[in-house]
PDB file of N, CA and C in Angstrom:
ATOM      1  N   MET A   1       0.404   2.893  11.734  1.00  0.00           N
ATOM      2  CA  MET A   1      -0.840   3.591  11.971  1.00  0.00           C
ATOM      3  C   MET A   1      -0.745   4.914  11.232  1.00  0.00           C
ATOM      4  N   ARG A   2      -1.818   5.177  10.539  1.00  0.00           N
ATOM      5  CA  ARG A   2      -1.910   6.430   9.785  1.00  0.00           C
ATOM      6  C   ARG A   2      -2.311   7.605  10.711  1.00  0.00           C
ATOM      7  N   ARG A   3      -2.037   8.817  10.266  1.00  0.00           N
ATOM      8  CA  ARG A   3      -2.366   9.954  11.033  1.00  0.00           C
ATOM      9  C   ARG A   3      -3.848  10.095  11.250  1.00  0.00           C
ATOM     10  N   ILE A   4      -4.695   9.769  10.325  1.00  0.00           N
ATOM     11  CA  ILE A   4      -6.174   9.825  10.454  1.00  0.00           C
ATOM     12  C   ILE A   4      -6.618   8.802  11.485  1.00  0.00           C
ATOM     13  N   ASP A   5      -5.947   7.673  11.577  1.00  0.00           N
ATOM     14  CA  ASP A   5      -6.319   6.716  12.618  1.00  0.00           C
ATOM     15  C   ASP A   5      -6.060   7.221  13.961  1.00  0.00           C
ATOM     16  N   ALA A   6      -4.886   7.885  14.146  1.00  0.00           N
ATOM     17  CA  ALA A   6      -4.557   8.445  15.429  1.00  0.00           C
ATOM     18  C   ALA A   6      -5.519   9.523  15.824  1.00  0.00           C
ATOM     19  N   LEU A   7      -5.894  10.373  14.883  1.00  0.00           N
ATOM     20  CA  LEU A   7      -6.913  11.431  15.128  1.00  0.00           C
ATOM     21  C   LEU A   7      -8.227  10.824  15.480  1.00  0.00           C
ATOM     22  N   GLY A   8      -8.615   9.768  14.794  1.00  0.00           N
ATOM     23  CA  GLY A   8      -9.879   9.108  15.046  1.00  0.00           C
ATOM     24  C   GLY A   8      -9.901   8.477  16.489  1.00  0.00           C
ATOM     25  N   ILE A   9      -8.817   7.868  16.876  1.00  0.00           N
ATOM     26  CA  ILE A   9      -8.717   7.256  18.189  1.00  0.00           C
ATOM     27  C   ILE A   9      -8.824   8.380  19.248  1.00  0.00           C
ATOM     28  N   GLY A  10      -8.093   9.438  19.051  1.00  0.00           N
ATOM     29  CA  GLY A  10      -8.120  10.556  19.995  1.00  0.00           C
ATOM     30  C   GLY A  10      -9.477  11.149  20.118  1.00  0.00           C
ATOM     31  N   PHE A  11     -10.198  11.322  19.002  1.00  0.00           N
ATOM     32  CA  PHE A  11     -11.527  11.845  19.022  1.00  0.00           C
ATOM     33  C   PHE A  11     -12.451  10.848  19.714  1.00  0.00           C
ATOM     34  N   GLY A  12     -12.294   9.568  19.461  1.00  0.00           N
ATOM     35  CA  GLY A  12     -13.086   8.542  20.128  1.00  0.00           C
ATOM     36  C   GLY A  12     -12.918   8.544  21.595  1.00  0.00           C
ATOM     37  N   VAL A  13     -11.694   8.667  22.110  1.00  0.00           N
ATOM     38  CA  VAL A  13     -11.469   8.761  23.556  1.00  0.00           C
ATOM     39  C   VAL A  13     -12.125  10.022  24.119  1.00  0.00           C
ATOM     40  N   PHE A  14     -12.032  11.121  23.419  1.00  0.00           N
ATOM     41  CA  PHE A  14     -12.684  12.352  23.834  1.00  0.00           C
ATOM     42  C   PHE A  14     -14.185  12.209  24.011  1.00  0.00           C
ATOM     43  N   VAL A  15     -14.790  11.599  23.004  1.00  0.00           N
ATOM     44  CA  VAL A  15     -16.221  11.366  23.019  1.00  0.00           C
ATOM     45  C   VAL A  15     -16.562  10.365  24.129  1.00  0.00           C
ATOM     46  N   ALA A  16     -15.794   9.292  24.272  1.00  0.00           N
ATOM     47  CA  ALA A  16     -16.043   8.310  25.327  1.00  0.00           C
ATOM     48  C   ALA A  16     -15.980   8.971  26.712  1.00  0.00           C
ATOM     49  N   GLY A  17     -15.010   9.892  26.918  1.00  0.00           N
ATOM     50  CA  GLY A  17     -14.971  10.622  28.172  1.00  0.00           C
ATOM     51  C   GLY A  17     -16.229  11.437  28.462  1.00  0.00           C
ATOM     52  N   GLY A  18     -16.740  12.095  27.392  1.00  0.00           N
ATOM     53  CA  GLY A  18     -18.018  12.807  27.561  1.00  0.00           C
ATOM     54  C   GLY A  18     -19.202  11.936  27.882  1.00  0.00           C
ATOM     55  N   ILE A  19     -19.222  10.790  27.197  1.00  0.00           N
ATOM     56  CA  ILE A  19     -20.298   9.872  27.429  1.00  0.00           C
ATOM     57  C   ILE A  19     -20.222   9.285  28.907  1.00  0.00           C
ATOM     58  N   ILE A  20     -19.037   8.929  29.329  1.00  0.00           N
ATOM     59  CA  ILE A  20     -18.836   8.466  30.701  1.00  0.00           C
ATOM     60  C   ILE A  20     -19.275   9.532  31.703  1.00  0.00           C
ATOM     61  N   TYR A  21     -18.903  10.754  31.427  1.00  0.00           N
ATOM     62  CA  TYR A  21     -19.276  11.838  32.352  1.00  0.00           C
ATOM     63  C   TYR A  21     -20.826  11.989  32.415  1.00  0.00           C
ATOM     64  N   LEU A  22     -21.464  11.895  31.293  1.00  0.00           N
ATOM     65  CA  LEU A  22     -22.949  11.983  31.280  1.00  0.00           C
ATOM     66  C   LEU A  22     -23.598  10.799  32.020  1.00  0.00           C
ATOM     67  N   VAL A  23     -22.991   9.631  31.860  1.00  0.00           N
ATOM     68  CA  VAL A  23     -23.521   8.468  32.550  1.00  0.00           C
ATOM     69  C   VAL A  23     -23.389   8.637  34.060  1.00  0.00           C
ATOM     70  N   PHE A  24     -22.222   9.130  34.514  1.00  0.00           N
ATOM     71  CA  PHE A  24     -22.035   9.399  35.932  1.00  0.00           C
ATOM     72  C   PHE A  24     -23.064  10.400  36.450  1.00  0.00           C
ATOM     73  N   GLN A  25     -23.299  11.446  35.667  1.00  0.00           N
ATOM     74  CA  GLN A  25     -24.281  12.436  36.104  1.00  0.00           C
ATOM     75  C   GLN A  25     -25.688  11.857  36.112  1.00  0.00           C
ATOM     76  N   THR A  26     -25.978  10.980  35.203  1.00  0.00           N
ATOM     77  CA  THR A  26     -27.311  10.362  35.132  1.00  0.00           C
ATOM     78  C   THR A  26     -27.521   9.449  36.359  1.00  0.00           C
ATOM     79  N   VAL A  27     -26.410   8.756  36.755  1.00  0.00           N
ATOM     80  CA  VAL A  27     -26.463   7.835  37.892  1.00  0.00           C
ATOM     81  C   VAL A  27     -26.728   8.642  39.211  1.00  0.00           C
ATOM     82  N   GLY A  28     -26.341   9.890  39.221  1.00  0.00           N
ATOM     83  CA  GLY A  28     -26.649  10.612  40.410  1.00  0.00           C
ATOM     84  C   GLY A  28     -25.462  11.455  41.001  1.00  0.00           C
ATOM     85  N   LEU A  29     -24.317  11.326  40.400  1.00  0.00           N
ATOM     86  CA  LEU A  29     -23.188  12.093  40.907  1.00  0.00           C
ATOM     87  C   LEU A  29     -23.279  13.551  40.491  1.00  0.00           C
ATOM     88  N   ASP A  30     -22.713  14.440  41.373  1.00  0.00           N
ATOM     89  CA  ASP A  30     -22.740  15.843  40.946  1.00  0.00           C
ATOM     90  C   ASP A  30     -21.631  16.039  39.899  1.00  0.00           C
ATOM     91  N   GLY A  31     -21.574  17.232  39.279  1.00  0.00           N
ATOM     92  CA  GLY A  31     -20.669  17.528  38.200  1.00  0.00           C
ATOM     93  C   GLY A  31     -19.192  17.315  38.525  1.00  0.00           C
ATOM     94  N   VAL A  32     -18.803  17.734  39.745  1.00  0.00           N
ATOM     95  CA  VAL A  32     -17.355  17.654  40.153  1.00  0.00           C
ATOM     96  C   VAL A  32     -17.007  16.171  40.354  1.00  0.00           C
ATOM     97  N   SER A  33     -17.819  15.435  41.019  1.00  0.00           N
ATOM     98  CA  SER A  33     -17.522  13.990  41.302  1.00  0.00           C
ATOM     99  C   SER A  33     -17.599  13.200  39.966  1.00  0.00           C
ATOM    100  N   ALA A  34     -18.508  13.522  39.127  1.00  0.00           N
ATOM    101  CA  ALA A  34     -18.598  12.847  37.811  1.00  0.00           C
ATOM    102  C   ALA A  34     -17.317  13.102  37.056  1.00  0.00           C
ATOM    103  N   GLY A  35     -16.846  14.367  37.092  1.00  0.00           N
ATOM    104  CA  GLY A  35     -15.584  14.709  36.317  1.00  0.00           C
ATOM    105  C   GLY A  35     -14.380  14.032  36.931  1.00  0.00           C
ATOM    106  N   ILE A  36     -14.295  13.908  38.230  1.00  0.00           N
ATOM    107  CA  ILE A  36     -13.177  13.235  38.864  1.00  0.00           C
ATOM    108  C   ILE A  36     -13.193  11.732  38.493  1.00  0.00           C
ATOM    109  N   TRP A  37     -14.331  11.120  38.578  1.00  0.00           N
ATOM    110  CA  TRP A  37     -14.389   9.701  38.270  1.00  0.00           C
ATOM    111  C   TRP A  37     -14.180   9.434  36.771  1.00  0.00           C
ATOM    112  N   THR A  38     -14.595  10.365  35.922  1.00  0.00           N
ATOM    113  CA  THR A  38     -14.354  10.210  34.463  1.00  0.00           C
ATOM    114  C   THR A  38     -12.859  10.317  34.190  1.00  0.00           C
ATOM    115  N   GLN A  39     -12.195  11.251  34.796  1.00  0.00           N
ATOM    116  CA  GLN A  39     -10.773  11.400  34.634  1.00  0.00           C
ATOM    117  C   GLN A  39     -10.030  10.174  35.188  1.00  0.00           C
ATOM    118  N   THR A  40     -10.488   9.682  36.291  1.00  0.00           N
ATOM    119  CA  THR A  40      -9.877   8.457  36.898  1.00  0.00           C
ATOM    120  C   THR A  40      -9.926   7.296  35.915  1.00  0.00           C
ATOM    121  N   LEU A  41     -11.134   7.081  35.329  1.00  0.00           N
ATOM    122  CA  LEU A  41     -11.256   5.964  34.383  1.00  0.00           C
ATOM    123  C   LEU A  41     -10.413   6.177  33.134  1.00  0.00           C
ATOM    124  N   LEU A  42     -10.356   7.396  32.621  1.00  0.00           N
ATOM    125  CA  LEU A  42      -9.575   7.700  31.429  1.00  0.00           C
ATOM    126  C   LEU A  42      -8.023   7.492  31.712  1.00  0.00           C
ATOM    127  N   VAL A  43      -7.603   7.950  32.842  1.00  0.00           N
ATOM    128  CA  VAL A  43      -6.193   7.773  33.227  1.00  0.00           C
ATOM    129  C   VAL A  43      -5.864   6.314  33.418  1.00  0.00           C
ATOM    130  N   ALA A  44      -6.756   5.575  34.079  1.00  0.00           N
ATOM    131  CA  ALA A  44      -6.546   4.123  34.253  1.00  0.00           C
ATOM    132  C   ALA A  44      -6.467   3.474  32.885  1.00  0.00           C
ATOM    133  N   GLY A  45      -7.313   3.815  31.970  1.00  0.00           N
ATOM    134  CA  GLY A  45      -7.286   3.266  30.637  1.00  0.00           C
ATOM    135  C   GLY A  45      -5.954   3.584  29.906  1.00  0.00           C
ATOM    136  N   LEU A  46      -5.488   4.821  30.099  1.00  0.00           N
ATOM    137  CA  LEU A  46      -4.202   5.219  29.500  1.00  0.00           C
ATOM    138  C   LEU A  46      -3.039   4.447  30.103  1.00  0.00           C
ATOM    139  N   ILE A  47      -3.061   4.268  31.391  1.00  0.00           N
ATOM    140  CA  ILE A  47      -2.019   3.472  32.040  1.00  0.00           C
ATOM    141  C   ILE A  47      -2.043   2.056  31.594  1.00  0.00           C
ATOM    142  N   GLY A  48      -3.286   1.456  31.494  1.00  0.00           N
ATOM    143  CA  GLY A  48      -3.410   0.101  31.011  1.00  0.00           C
ATOM    144  C   GLY A  48      -2.891  -0.056  29.609  1.00  0.00           C
ATOM    145  N   TRP A  49      -3.231   0.892  28.691  1.00  0.00           N
ATOM    146  CA  TRP A  49      -2.749   0.790  27.343  1.00  0.00           C
ATOM    147  C   TRP A  49      -1.179   0.935  27.297  1.00  0.00           C
ATOM    148  N   SER A  50      -0.643   1.821  28.114  1.00  0.00           N
ATOM    149  CA  SER A  50       0.822   1.983  28.177  1.00  0.00           C
ATOM    150  C   SER A  50       1.520   0.711  28.643  1.00  0.00           C
ATOM    151  N   ILE A  51       0.907   0.016  29.564  1.00  0.00           N
ATOM    152  CA  ILE A  51       1.478  -1.260  30.088  1.00  0.00           C
ATOM    153  C   ILE A  51       1.468  -2.311  28.962  1.00  0.00           C
ATOM    154  N   THR A  52       0.365  -2.393  28.232  1.00  0.00           N
ATOM    155  CA  THR A  52       0.382  -3.366  27.149  1.00  0.00           C
ATOM    156  C   THR A  52       1.358  -2.992  26.068  1.00  0.00           C
ATOM    157  N   TYR A  53       1.513  -1.736  25.816  1.00  0.00           N
ATOM    158  CA  TYR A  53       2.493  -1.319  24.811  1.00  0.00           C
ATOM    159  C   TYR A  53       3.938  -1.601  25.246  1.00  0.00           C
ATOM    160  N   LEU A  54       4.222  -1.352  26.529  1.00  0.00           N
ATOM    161  CA  LEU A  54       5.587  -1.683  27.030  1.00  0.00           C
ATOM    162  C   LEU A  54       5.824  -3.203  27.022  1.00  0.00           C
ATOM    163  N   LEU A  55       4.799  -3.952  27.273  1.00  0.00           N
ATOM    164  CA  LEU A  55       4.989  -5.448  27.281  1.00  0.00           C
ATOM    165  C   LEU A  55       5.274  -5.864  25.787  1.00  0.00           C
ATOM    166  N   ARG A  56       4.619  -5.275  24.817  1.00  0.00           N
ATOM    167  CA  ARG A  56       4.921  -5.642  23.462  1.00  0.00           C
ATOM    168  C   ARG A  56       6.321  -5.196  23.016  1.00  0.00           C
ATOM    169  N   VAL A  57       6.743  -4.061  23.602  1.00  0.00           N
ATOM    170  CA  VAL A  57       8.127  -3.615  23.258  1.00  0.00           C
ATOM    171  C   VAL A  57       9.132  -4.596  23.860  1.00  0.00           C
ATOM    172  N   VAL A  58       8.927  -4.912  25.107  1.00  0.00           N
ATOM    173  CA  VAL A  58       9.933  -5.798  25.840  1.00  0.00           C
ATOM    174  C   VAL A  58       9.984  -7.168  25.192  1.00  0.00           C
ATOM    175  N   THR A  59       8.816  -7.729  24.831  1.00  0.00           N
ATOM    176  CA  THR A  59       8.726  -9.053  24.224  1.00  0.00           C
ATOM    177  C   THR A  59       9.012  -9.013  22.719  1.00  0.00           C
ATOM    178  N   LYS A  60       9.252  -7.874  22.175  1.00  0.00           N
ATOM    179  CA  LYS A  60       9.522  -7.628  20.721  1.00  0.00           C
ATOM    180  C   LYS A  60       8.408  -8.244  19.900  1.00  0.00           C
ATOM    181  N   ASN A  61       7.184  -8.076  20.357  1.00  0.00           N
ATOM    182  CA  ASN A  61       5.995  -8.602  19.622  1.00  0.00           C
ATOM    183  C   ASN A  61       5.292  -7.440  18.953  1.00  0.00           C
ATOM    184  N   MET A  62       6.065  -6.618  18.267  1.00  0.00           N
ATOM    185  CA  MET A  62       5.447  -5.457  17.613  1.00  0.00           C
ATOM    186  C   MET A  62       5.449  -5.676  16.085  1.00  0.00           C
ATOM    187  N   THR A  63       4.631  -4.978  15.374  1.00  0.00           N
ATOM    188  CA  THR A  63       4.448  -5.162  13.943  1.00  0.00           C
ATOM    189  C   THR A  63       5.789  -5.008  13.187  1.00  0.00           C
ATOM    190  N   TYR A  64       6.571  -4.004  13.487  1.00  0.00           N
ATOM    191  CA  TYR A  64       7.822  -3.758  12.799  1.00  0.00           C
ATOM    192  C   TYR A  64       8.751  -4.958  12.982  1.00  0.00           C
ATOM    193  N   ASN A  65       8.892  -5.395  14.193  1.00  0.00           N
ATOM    194  CA  ASN A  65       9.816  -6.544  14.445  1.00  0.00           C
ATOM    195  C   ASN A  65       9.338  -7.788  13.697  1.00  0.00           C
ATOM    196  N   GLN A  66       8.038  -8.051  13.667  1.00  0.00           N
ATOM    197  CA  GLN A  66       7.537  -9.180  12.927  1.00  0.00           C
ATOM    198  C   GLN A  66       7.750  -9.067  11.441  1.00  0.00           C
ATOM    199  N   GLN A  67       7.502  -7.890  10.867  1.00  0.00           N
ATOM    200  CA  GLN A  67       7.748  -7.645   9.463  1.00  0.00           C
ATOM    201  C   GLN A  67       9.232  -7.842   9.108  1.00  0.00           C
ATOM    202  N   LEU A  68      10.101  -7.335   9.959  1.00  0.00           N
ATOM    203  CA  LEU A  68      11.578  -7.475   9.771  1.00  0.00           C
ATOM    204  C   LEU A  68      11.978  -8.915   9.747  1.00  0.00           C
ATOM    205  N   LYS A  69      11.428  -9.697  10.745  1.00  0.00           N
ATOM    206  CA  LYS A  69      11.823 -11.106  10.825  1.00  0.00           C
ATOM    207  C   LYS A  69      11.273 -11.858   9.587  1.00  0.00           C
ATOM    208  N   ASP A  70      10.050 -11.588   9.153  1.00  0.00           N
ATOM    209  CA  ASP A  70       9.520 -12.231   7.940  1.00  0.00           C
ATOM    210  C   ASP A  70      10.326 -11.896   6.705  1.00  0.00           C
ATOM    211  N   TYR A  71      10.775 -10.653   6.647  1.00  0.00           N
ATOM    212  CA  TYR A  71      11.602 -10.237   5.480  1.00  0.00           C
ATOM    213  C   TYR A  71      12.941 -10.990   5.511  1.00  0.00           C
ATOM    214  N   GLU A  72      13.585 -11.021   6.678  1.00  0.00           N
ATOM    215  CA  GLU A  72      14.840 -11.699   6.755  1.00  0.00           C
ATOM    216  C   GLU A  72      14.749 -13.188   6.405  1.00  0.00           C
ATOM    217  N   ASP A  73      13.653 -13.834   6.898  1.00  0.00           N
ATOM    218  CA  ASP A  73      13.445 -15.252   6.576  1.00  0.00           C
ATOM    219  C   ASP A  73      13.243 -15.437   5.083  1.00  0.00           C
ATOM    220  N   ALA A  74      12.512 -14.516   4.417  1.00  0.00           N
ATOM    221  CA  ALA A  74      12.235 -14.623   2.994  1.00  0.00           C
ATOM    222  C   ALA A  74      13.529 -14.464   2.205  1.00  0.00           C
ATOM    223  N   VAL A  75      14.376 -13.517   2.629  1.00  0.00           N
ATOM    224  CA  VAL A  75      15.642 -13.280   1.924  1.00  0.00           C
ATOM    225  C   VAL A  75      16.542 -14.541   2.105  1.00  0.00           C
ATOM    226  N   LEU A  76      16.634 -15.067   3.279  1.00  0.00           N
ATOM    227  CA  LEU A  76      17.463 -16.255   3.486  1.00  0.00           C
ATOM    228  C   LEU A  76      16.920 -17.453   2.678  1.00  0.00           C
ATOM    229  N   GLN A  77      15.611 -17.606   2.667  1.00  0.00           N
ATOM    230  CA  GLN A  77      15.042 -18.702   1.873  1.00  0.00           C
ATOM    231  C   GLN A  77      15.304 -18.547   0.378  1.00  0.00           C
ATOM    232  N   LYS A  78      15.270 -17.334  -0.115  1.00  0.00           N
ATOM    233  CA  LYS A  78      15.566 -17.089  -1.520  1.00  0.00           C
ATOM    234  C   LYS A  78      17.023 -17.360  -1.798  1.00  0.00           C
ATOM    235  N   ARG A  79      17.874 -16.991  -0.919  1.00  0.00           N
ATOM    236  CA  ARG A  79      19.340 -17.216  -1.141  1.00  0.00           C
ATOM    237  C   ARG A  79      19.604 -18.714  -1.140  1.00  0.00           C
ATOM    238  N   LEU A  80      18.930 -19.457  -0.243  1.00  0.00           N
ATOM    239  CA  LEU A  80      19.125 -20.900  -0.194  1.00  0.00           C
ATOM    240  C   LEU A  80      18.633 -21.542  -1.525  1.00  0.00           C
ATOM    241  N   GLU A  81      17.505 -21.076  -2.001  1.00  0.00           N
ATOM    242  CA  GLU A  81      16.998 -21.648  -3.272  1.00  0.00           C
ATOM    243  C   GLU A  81      17.810 -21.352  -4.490  1.00  0.00           C
ATOM    244  N   GLU A  82      18.607 -20.251  -4.429  1.00  0.00           N
ATOM    245  CA  GLU A  82      19.454 -19.890  -5.518  1.00  0.00           C
ATOM    246  C   GLU A  82      20.823 -20.572  -5.491  1.00  0.00           C
ATOM    247  N   MET A  83      21.126 -21.188  -4.369  1.00  0.00           N
ATOM    248  CA  MET A  83      22.437 -21.832  -4.245  1.00  0.00           C
ATOM    249  C   MET A  83      22.498 -23.165  -5.026  1.00  0.00           C
ATOM    250  N   SER A  84      23.665 -23.415  -5.578  1.00  0.00           N
ATOM    251  CA  SER A  84      23.859 -24.701  -6.270  1.00  0.00           C
ATOM    252  C   SER A  84      24.039 -25.834  -5.240  1.00  0.00           C
ATOM    253  N   PRO A  85      23.903 -27.047  -5.646  1.00  0.00           N
ATOM    254  CA  PRO A  85      24.133 -28.161  -4.659  1.00  0.00           C
ATOM    255  C   PRO A  85      25.531 -28.156  -4.064  1.00  0.00           C
ATOM    256  N   GLU A  86      26.545 -27.717  -4.862  1.00  0.00           N
ATOM    257  CA  GLU A  86      27.878 -27.708  -4.298  1.00  0.00           C
ATOM    258  C   GLU A  86      28.026 -26.611  -3.223  1.00  0.00           C
ATOM    259  N   GLU A  87      27.380 -25.477  -3.478  1.00  0.00           N
ATOM    260  CA  GLU A  87      27.417 -24.394  -2.452  1.00  0.00           C
ATOM    261  C   GLU A  87      26.654 -24.842  -1.196  1.00  0.00           C
ATOM    262  N   LEU A  88      25.571 -25.531  -1.366  1.00  0.00           N
ATOM    263  CA  LEU A  88      24.829 -26.026  -0.197  1.00  0.00           C
ATOM    264  C   LEU A  88      25.686 -27.016   0.591  1.00  0.00           C
ATOM    265  N   ALA A  89      26.374 -27.891  -0.091  1.00  0.00           N
ATOM    266  CA  ALA A  89      27.208 -28.863   0.625  1.00  0.00           C
ATOM    267  C   ALA A  89      28.293 -28.164   1.374  1.00  0.00           C
ATOM    268  N   LYS A  90      28.932 -27.145   0.709  1.00  0.00           N
ATOM    269  CA  LYS A  90      29.971 -26.372   1.415  1.00  0.00           C
ATOM    270  C   LYS A  90      29.466 -25.640   2.644  1.00  0.00           C
ATOM    271  N   LEU A  91      28.236 -25.067   2.505  1.00  0.00           N
ATOM    272  CA  LEU A  91      27.640 -24.357   3.615  1.00  0.00           C
ATOM    273  C   LEU A  91      27.329 -25.336   4.771  1.00  0.00           C
ATOM    274  N   GLN A  92      26.837 -26.492   4.406  1.00  0.00           N
ATOM    275  CA  GLN A  92      26.562 -27.493   5.454  1.00  0.00           C
ATOM    276  C   GLN A  92      27.805 -27.979   6.130  1.00  0.00           C
ATOM    277  N   GLU A  93      28.893 -28.123   5.415  1.00  0.00           N
ATOM    278  CA  GLU A  93      30.181 -28.483   6.079  1.00  0.00           C
ATOM    279  C   GLU A  93      30.657 -27.388   7.031  1.00  0.00           C
ATOM    280  N   GLU A  94      30.495 -26.131   6.625  1.00  0.00           N
ATOM    281  CA  GLU A  94      30.882 -25.072   7.512  1.00  0.00           C
ATOM    282  C   GLU A  94      30.041 -25.035   8.790  1.00  0.00           C
ATOM    283  N   ILE A  95      28.772 -25.287   8.670  1.00  0.00           N
ATOM    284  CA  ILE A  95      27.874 -25.337   9.816  1.00  0.00           C
ATOM    285  C   ILE A  95      28.293 -26.472  10.747  1.00  0.00           C
ATOM    286  N   GLU A  96      28.628 -27.605  10.174  1.00  0.00           N
ATOM    287  CA  GLU A  96      29.020 -28.782  10.955  1.00  0.00           C
ATOM    288  C   GLU A  96      30.316 -28.466  11.755  1.00  0.00           C
ATOM    289  N   ARG A  97      31.269 -27.822  11.095  1.00  0.00           N
ATOM    290  CA  ARG A  97      32.519 -27.389  11.721  1.00  0.00           C
ATOM    291  C   ARG A  97      32.289 -26.466  12.894  1.00  0.00           C
ATOM    292  N   GLU A  98      31.359 -25.511  12.695  1.00  0.00           N
ATOM    293  CA  GLU A  98      31.082 -24.529  13.762  1.00  0.00           C
ATOM    294  C   GLU A  98      30.413 -25.223  14.959  1.00  0.00           C
ATOM    295  N   LYS A  99      29.599 -26.248  14.681  1.00  0.00           N
ATOM    296  CA  LYS A  99      28.956 -26.951  15.763  1.00  0.00           C
ATOM    297  C   LYS A  99      29.927 -27.734  16.606  1.00  0.00           C
ATOM    298  N   GLN A 100      30.941 -28.306  15.904  1.00  0.00           N
ATOM    299  CA  GLN A 100      31.962 -29.105  16.631  1.00  0.00           C
ATOM    300  C   GLN A 100      32.876 -28.262  17.433  1.00  0.00           C
ATOM    301  N   SER A 101      33.170 -27.033  17.021  1.00  0.00           N
ATOM    302  CA  SER A 101      34.131 -26.172  17.723  1.00  0.00           C
ATOM    303  C   SER A 101      33.477 -25.358  18.770  1.00  0.00           C
TER     304      SER A 101
END
């Protein structure tokens, strides 16, 4: 995520908080109650976002981890393509020996 994206998201949350506050006041809540309920919703949203982030970290379903896995797979595939048939046979024998032991 770029810095401008983070700033845009922060500004969007700020504006959303103001809009929610105005909606609560329009519905009939006084200023203090509208502010409390707006803060409650914003904090609940922050906690919800944090939980989804932590779940992605625990399950390793993050962009960096996926890019690293794709890179490693591509490097291994390229190495396999560059191996001669004799080297492939030798590698296959080593794998078979490891499976048996």
